[in-house]
Protein backbone atom coordinates (compact mmCIF):
# COMPACT_ATOMS: atom_id res chain seq x y z
CA MET A 1 84.15 90.83 127.28
CA PRO A 2 87.69 91.99 126.36
CA ALA A 3 88.43 92.21 122.65
CA PRO A 4 90.96 89.66 121.39
CA ASP A 5 94.34 90.70 119.99
CA ILE A 6 94.79 89.93 116.30
CA PRO A 7 97.27 91.00 113.61
CA CYS A 8 96.00 94.22 112.05
CA PRO A 9 94.82 93.47 108.48
CA ILE A 10 96.66 96.60 107.26
CA CYS A 11 100.04 96.68 109.03
CA LYS A 12 100.12 93.28 110.83
CA GLU A 13 100.87 94.89 114.21
CA ALA A 14 98.80 94.00 117.28
CA ALA A 15 95.20 95.23 117.17
CA LYS A 16 92.07 94.85 119.27
CA CYS A 17 89.13 93.66 117.22
CA TRP A 18 85.37 93.78 117.82
CA VAL A 19 82.99 92.14 115.33
CA THR A 20 79.68 93.98 114.90
CA GLU A 21 76.24 92.72 113.94
CA ARG A 22 76.72 94.47 110.57
CA ASP A 23 79.42 91.98 109.52
CA ALA A 24 82.11 94.57 110.11
CA SER A 25 85.17 94.67 112.34
CA ILE A 26 86.05 97.63 114.56
CA LEU A 27 89.80 97.72 115.04
CA LYS A 28 92.08 99.56 117.43
CA CYS A 29 95.63 99.22 116.11
CA VAL A 30 98.79 100.43 117.83
CA ARG A 31 100.04 101.74 114.49
CA CYS A 32 96.99 102.51 112.30
CA GLY A 33 94.77 103.83 115.11
CA ASP A 34 91.00 103.30 115.14
CA PHE A 35 89.15 102.23 112.01
CA GLU A 36 86.45 99.90 110.74
CA ALA A 37 86.62 97.28 107.98
CA SER A 38 83.68 95.63 106.29
CA GLY A 39 83.56 91.84 106.36
CA SER A 40 84.59 91.56 102.72
CA ALA A 41 87.40 94.13 103.10
CA PHE A 42 88.72 92.37 106.20
CA ALA A 43 88.78 89.02 104.39
CA VAL A 44 90.62 90.45 101.37
CA LEU A 45 93.12 92.49 103.41
CA ARG A 46 94.16 89.50 105.51
CA HIS A 47 95.43 87.72 102.40
CA ILE A 48 96.94 90.62 100.44
CA GLU A 49 100.73 90.67 100.17
CA TRP A 50 101.56 94.36 100.26
CA THR A 51 105.08 95.76 100.22
CA SER A 52 106.30 97.37 103.42
CA ARG A 53 105.94 100.77 101.75
CA GLN A 54 102.34 100.08 100.75
CA GLN A 55 101.62 99.05 104.35
CA ALA A 56 103.26 102.24 105.63
CA ASN A 57 101.25 104.45 103.28
CA ALA A 58 97.94 102.74 104.04
CA SER A 59 98.60 102.77 107.79
CA GLY A 60 99.51 106.47 107.74
CA TRP A 61 96.46 107.42 105.69
CA ILE A 62 94.09 105.46 107.94
CA ARG A 63 95.60 107.01 111.06
CA GLU A 64 94.99 110.49 109.60
CA HIS A 65 91.34 109.53 108.98
CA LYS A 66 90.44 108.27 112.44
CA GLY A 67 87.31 106.12 112.49
CA ILE A 68 87.30 105.63 108.72
CA GLN A 69 85.21 102.77 107.35
CA ILE A 70 87.17 100.64 104.86
CA SER A 71 85.19 98.72 102.25
CA SER A 72 86.52 96.36 99.60
CA ARG A 73 86.22 99.12 96.98
CA ASP A 74 88.74 101.21 98.98
CA ILE A 75 91.51 98.62 98.72
CA PRO A 76 92.85 99.64 95.25
CA PHE A 77 93.03 103.25 96.48
CA LEU A 78 94.98 102.22 99.59
CA GLU A 79 97.35 100.12 97.47
CA SER A 80 98.20 103.04 95.19
CA LEU A 81 98.67 105.83 97.74
CA ARG A 82 101.48 108.25 96.99
CA THR A 83 104.45 108.10 99.38
CA PRO A 84 104.95 111.50 101.04
CA THR A 85 108.35 113.12 100.73
CA VAL A 86 110.77 112.97 103.65
CA GLU A 87 110.06 116.67 104.24
CA GLU A 88 106.30 116.01 104.39
CA ARG A 89 106.75 113.08 106.77
CA ALA A 90 109.01 115.12 109.06
CA ALA A 91 106.35 117.86 109.05
CA LYS A 92 103.75 115.31 110.19
CA ILE A 93 105.94 114.50 113.20
CA LEU A 94 106.47 118.17 114.00
CA LEU A 95 102.73 118.86 113.85
CA GLU A 96 101.99 115.89 116.11
CA LEU A 97 104.65 117.00 118.60
CA GLU A 98 102.88 120.34 118.81
CA ARG A 99 99.50 118.63 119.32
CA ARG A 100 100.97 116.60 122.19
CA SER A 101 102.55 119.61 123.87
CA PRO A 102 100.14 121.32 126.30
CA ASP A 103 102.53 124.27 126.44
CA ILE A 104 105.79 125.32 124.80
CA SER A 105 107.84 124.02 127.75
CA THR A 106 106.64 120.41 127.23
CA ARG A 107 109.44 117.86 126.86
CA LEU A 108 109.04 114.27 125.67
CA THR A 109 111.32 111.21 125.61
CA PHE A 110 111.61 108.69 122.77
CA ASN A 111 113.30 105.29 122.84
CA PHE A 112 113.40 104.20 119.22
CA GLY A 113 113.74 100.54 120.17
CA ASP A 114 110.55 100.56 122.25
CA PRO A 115 107.41 99.17 120.54
CA SER A 116 105.25 101.35 122.82
CA ILE A 117 105.92 104.30 120.47
CA MET A 118 104.65 102.37 117.43
CA ASP A 119 101.96 105.05 116.97
CA TRP A 120 104.70 107.37 115.65
CA VAL A 121 105.35 104.88 112.85
CA GLY A 122 101.77 105.43 111.64
CA ILE A 123 101.88 109.19 112.26
CA SER A 124 104.96 109.58 110.05
CA TRP A 125 103.94 107.07 107.35
CA SER A 126 107.09 105.10 108.22
CA ILE A 127 108.02 101.47 107.59
CA GLY A 128 109.36 101.03 111.11
CA LEU A 129 110.87 102.71 114.15
CA GLY A 130 114.18 103.05 112.31
CA GLU A 131 112.61 105.52 109.93
CA VAL A 132 111.00 107.40 112.84
CA GLN A 133 114.45 107.67 114.42
CA TYR A 134 115.87 109.06 111.17
CA LEU A 135 113.09 111.63 110.79
CA MET A 136 113.44 112.85 114.37
CA LEU A 137 117.22 112.72 114.82
CA ASP A 138 118.75 113.09 111.36
CA TYR A 139 116.14 115.50 110.03
CA LEU A 140 114.23 117.47 112.68
CA HIS A 141 116.94 117.44 115.39
CA ALA A 142 119.85 117.91 112.98
CA HIS A 143 118.11 120.86 111.30
CA GLY A 144 117.25 122.55 114.58
CA HIS A 145 113.47 122.01 114.52
CA ILE A 146 113.49 120.05 117.79
CA SER A 147 115.83 120.02 120.77
CA GLY A 148 116.87 117.22 123.13
CA THR A 149 119.78 114.99 124.08
CA THR A 150 120.52 111.84 122.10
CA PHE A 151 121.86 108.58 123.53
CA GLY A 152 122.91 105.26 122.02
CA ALA A 153 125.42 103.84 119.61
CA VAL A 154 125.35 104.59 115.91
CA GLY A 155 123.77 101.68 114.05
CA ALA A 156 121.53 100.69 116.98
CA PRO A 157 118.17 102.02 118.22
CA ARG A 158 118.85 105.32 119.98
CA SER A 159 116.96 107.59 122.38
CA LEU A 160 116.01 111.26 122.38
CA VAL A 161 115.52 112.71 125.86
CA GLN A 162 113.83 115.99 126.77
CA ALA A 163 112.66 116.54 123.22
CA GLY A 164 110.87 119.81 122.55
CA ILE A 165 110.06 122.14 119.68
CA THR A 166 112.63 124.90 119.14
CA PRO A 167 111.91 128.49 118.07
CA ASN A 168 113.04 127.42 114.59
CA GLY A 169 110.53 124.58 114.76
CA TYR A 170 107.70 126.94 115.65
CA GLU A 171 108.68 129.19 112.74
CA THR A 172 108.44 126.15 110.47
CA LEU A 173 105.00 125.29 111.90
CA GLY A 174 103.90 128.85 111.20
CA ARG A 175 105.01 128.58 107.58
CA LEU A 176 103.23 125.24 107.23
CA ARG A 177 99.99 126.78 108.42
CA GLN A 178 100.30 129.80 106.21
CA GLY A 179 100.48 127.48 103.19
CA GLY A 180 99.05 129.57 100.38
CA SER A 181 98.11 132.55 102.55
CA GLU A 182 98.55 134.94 99.59
CA SER A 183 97.08 132.48 97.11
CA THR A 184 94.06 133.15 94.93
CA ILE A 185 93.49 129.45 94.12
CA GLY A 186 90.31 127.65 95.17
CA PHE A 187 91.15 124.00 94.51
CA CYS A 188 88.29 121.57 93.77
CA ALA A 189 88.51 117.92 94.80
CA MET A 190 85.68 116.09 93.09
CA TRP A 191 84.61 113.13 90.97
CA PHE A 192 85.38 113.93 87.32
CA ALA A 193 82.55 111.86 85.87
CA PRO A 194 80.64 113.31 82.86
CA GLU A 195 77.47 113.41 84.95
CA ASN A 196 79.25 115.75 87.37
CA GLU A 197 80.27 118.31 84.75
CA PRO A 198 77.28 120.62 85.49
CA LEU A 199 78.40 120.70 89.14
CA TRP A 200 81.63 122.33 87.97
CA THR A 201 80.29 124.64 85.27
CA GLU A 202 77.11 125.79 87.06
CA ALA A 203 78.14 125.77 90.74
CA PHE A 204 81.79 125.38 91.71
CA ALA A 205 83.49 127.51 89.05
CA PRO A 206 81.05 130.47 89.28
CA GLY A 207 80.75 130.25 93.07
CA ILE A 208 84.52 130.38 93.60
CA ARG A 209 85.00 133.02 90.90
CA ASN A 210 82.25 135.26 92.27
CA ALA A 211 83.89 135.08 95.71
CA GLY A 212 87.04 136.54 94.17
CA TYR A 213 89.21 133.44 93.68
CA SER A 214 90.46 131.32 90.79
CA PRO A 215 88.73 127.90 90.54
CA ILE A 216 91.14 125.06 89.74
CA ARG A 217 90.54 121.36 89.07
CA ILE A 218 93.56 119.20 88.35
CA ASP A 219 92.26 117.57 85.16
CA ARG A 220 92.04 121.01 83.51
CA GLN A 221 95.66 121.98 84.28
CA GLU A 222 98.59 121.67 81.88
CA HIS A 223 101.52 119.95 83.61
CA THR A 224 104.32 117.42 83.04
CA ASN A 225 104.43 115.94 86.56
CA MET A 226 102.88 112.72 87.82
CA ILE A 227 99.23 113.49 88.55
CA ASP A 228 99.46 112.80 92.31
CA ASP A 229 102.55 115.00 92.66
CA GLU A 230 100.78 117.78 90.78
CA ILE A 231 97.74 117.50 93.06
CA ILE A 232 99.87 117.84 96.20
CA ALA A 233 101.84 120.74 94.71
CA THR A 234 98.64 122.57 93.73
CA ILE A 235 97.04 122.05 97.14
CA ARG A 236 100.16 123.53 98.73
CA ARG A 237 99.69 126.63 96.57
CA SER A 238 95.96 126.94 97.28
CA LYS A 239 94.03 129.23 99.59
CA PHE A 240 91.30 126.64 100.29
CA LEU A 241 89.68 123.44 99.05
CA VAL A 242 86.15 122.71 97.94
CA SER A 243 85.69 118.95 98.44
CA ASP A 244 82.68 117.19 96.98
CA PHE A 245 82.05 113.67 98.26
CA THR A 246 79.48 112.66 95.64
CA GLY A 247 80.63 109.29 94.33
CA GLN A 248 82.69 108.60 97.49
CA ARG A 249 86.01 108.88 95.67
CA GLY A 250 89.05 107.87 97.71
CA GLY A 251 91.10 110.67 96.18
CA VAL A 252 88.71 113.28 97.58
CA TYR A 253 89.17 111.88 101.09
CA PHE A 254 92.95 111.91 100.64
CA GLU A 255 93.11 115.45 99.26
CA SER A 256 90.81 116.79 101.99
CA GLY A 257 92.87 115.15 104.73
CA PHE A 258 96.11 116.47 103.25
CA ALA A 259 94.69 120.00 103.10
CA LEU A 260 93.52 119.83 106.72
CA GLY A 261 96.93 118.61 107.84
CA PHE A 262 98.50 121.43 105.87
CA GLY A 263 96.30 123.96 107.70
CA LEU A 264 93.99 124.88 104.80
CA ARG A 265 90.26 125.53 105.08
CA VAL A 266 88.10 122.82 103.50
CA ILE A 267 84.54 123.49 102.35
CA TRP A 268 82.57 120.24 102.34
CA THR A 269 79.85 119.48 99.79
CA CYS A 270 77.81 116.44 98.75
CA ARG A 271 74.75 115.61 96.68
CA ALA A 272 71.76 115.18 99.00
CA ASP A 273 71.07 111.53 98.19
CA GLU A 274 74.68 110.52 98.98
CA LEU A 275 75.27 112.36 102.24
CA SER A 276 74.45 109.29 104.34
CA ALA A 277 77.19 107.35 102.51
CA VAL A 278 79.94 109.77 103.61
CA HIS A 279 82.20 108.13 106.17
CA PHE A 280 80.95 109.05 109.63
CA ASP A 281 84.22 110.69 110.69
CA ASN A 282 83.68 113.30 107.97
CA ARG A 283 79.96 113.85 108.51
CA GLN A 284 80.77 115.96 111.58
CA TYR A 285 81.58 118.84 109.23
CA ASN A 286 79.03 121.37 108.02
CA PHE A 287 78.26 120.17 104.47
CA LEU A 288 76.73 122.22 101.70
CA VAL A 289 74.15 119.71 100.47
CA TRP A 290 72.99 120.13 96.87
CA GLU A 291 70.49 118.82 94.33
CA ARG A 292 70.90 118.52 90.57
CA GLU A 293 68.03 120.91 89.85
CA LYS A 294 69.39 123.66 92.12
CA LEU A 295 73.02 124.15 91.10
CA SER A 296 72.67 127.93 90.77
CA ASP A 297 71.54 127.96 94.40
CA LEU A 298 74.64 125.95 95.33
CA ALA A 299 76.84 128.47 93.51
CA LYS A 300 75.45 131.29 95.63
CA ARG A 301 75.68 129.32 98.89
CA LEU A 302 79.26 128.35 98.06
CA GLN A 303 80.15 131.97 97.40
CA ASN A 304 78.60 132.98 100.73
CA ARG A 305 80.43 130.21 102.61
CA ILE A 306 83.78 131.21 101.10
CA GLU A 307 83.30 134.89 101.89
CA ALA A 308 82.05 134.13 105.43
CA THR A 309 84.82 131.70 106.42
CA ILE A 310 87.80 132.80 104.32
CA GLY A 311 87.00 136.31 103.20
CA ARG A 312 86.41 138.00 99.87
CA GLY A 313 89.17 137.24 97.38
CA PRO A 314 91.21 139.76 95.42
CA LEU A 315 90.08 138.72 91.94
CA SER A 316 87.18 140.52 90.32
CA VAL A 317 84.53 138.57 88.44
CA GLY A 318 85.76 137.82 84.94
CA GLY A 319 89.37 138.54 85.89
CA LEU A 320 92.23 136.05 86.24
CA ALA A 321 89.82 133.20 87.01
């Protein structure tokens, strides 16, 4: 039986909806992509009055976490998501253009008045197609990152024909992927609860340090920026992330997704009794599973994973870390 069309509870665009026996809704939205919402989350979301920017941020985040399961406890996190900079949003478009280009000669056409390209609104964390047009034409095209011929009157929806990534665009993509290629920072995304302090002191800090890198967690850093801006800036400067999903913190999901989109290696960890609670789209990764009584073992396994996947770092034990 075909799924009915309903307004998406996040962005209000058209979405297919299937209700499961678990009192959850599986949604396929033209803007947000594929995700699942619990019965309670769906009921709350349908009646929330978000601003257009909150809708754009939530839609973009969900699209970057395909198949994510949204519960009612995730709603405050979605409401408070940081808005990416214009540069970051343009980079998301450039990365997606590359993903959709089977070879470097691929050319695409965009009509910014056509609702069939609504997926690019979600991809770029935009409020509407007008912002997508700005990011493509006034930013990426104007700065030589993409090529193509533009049509249409100023002040009206325009078109970009034969759009492709330029050599300058590929250089930019290369720099994006390098990120902190010379960095010595191993950034930790984790739940900063008192009960988790031994995880840092007995496993993460020594494991990263013994692999030759400097372990960093944002609550231990001196800074004058807003905390979310400082997190993004530090991830950009990092060599890799260690992401621990114990406690199922929304910020850990966000930081891990941002790092992946930025081209950084993420090392996934979780306490054994909580692994089954990790959203299924993330459980595909090879987690380091740990127990409270064996944190020294985790430190060694973390060191081995870092050295095997990233390489031995330049810092000696007891040095700058």
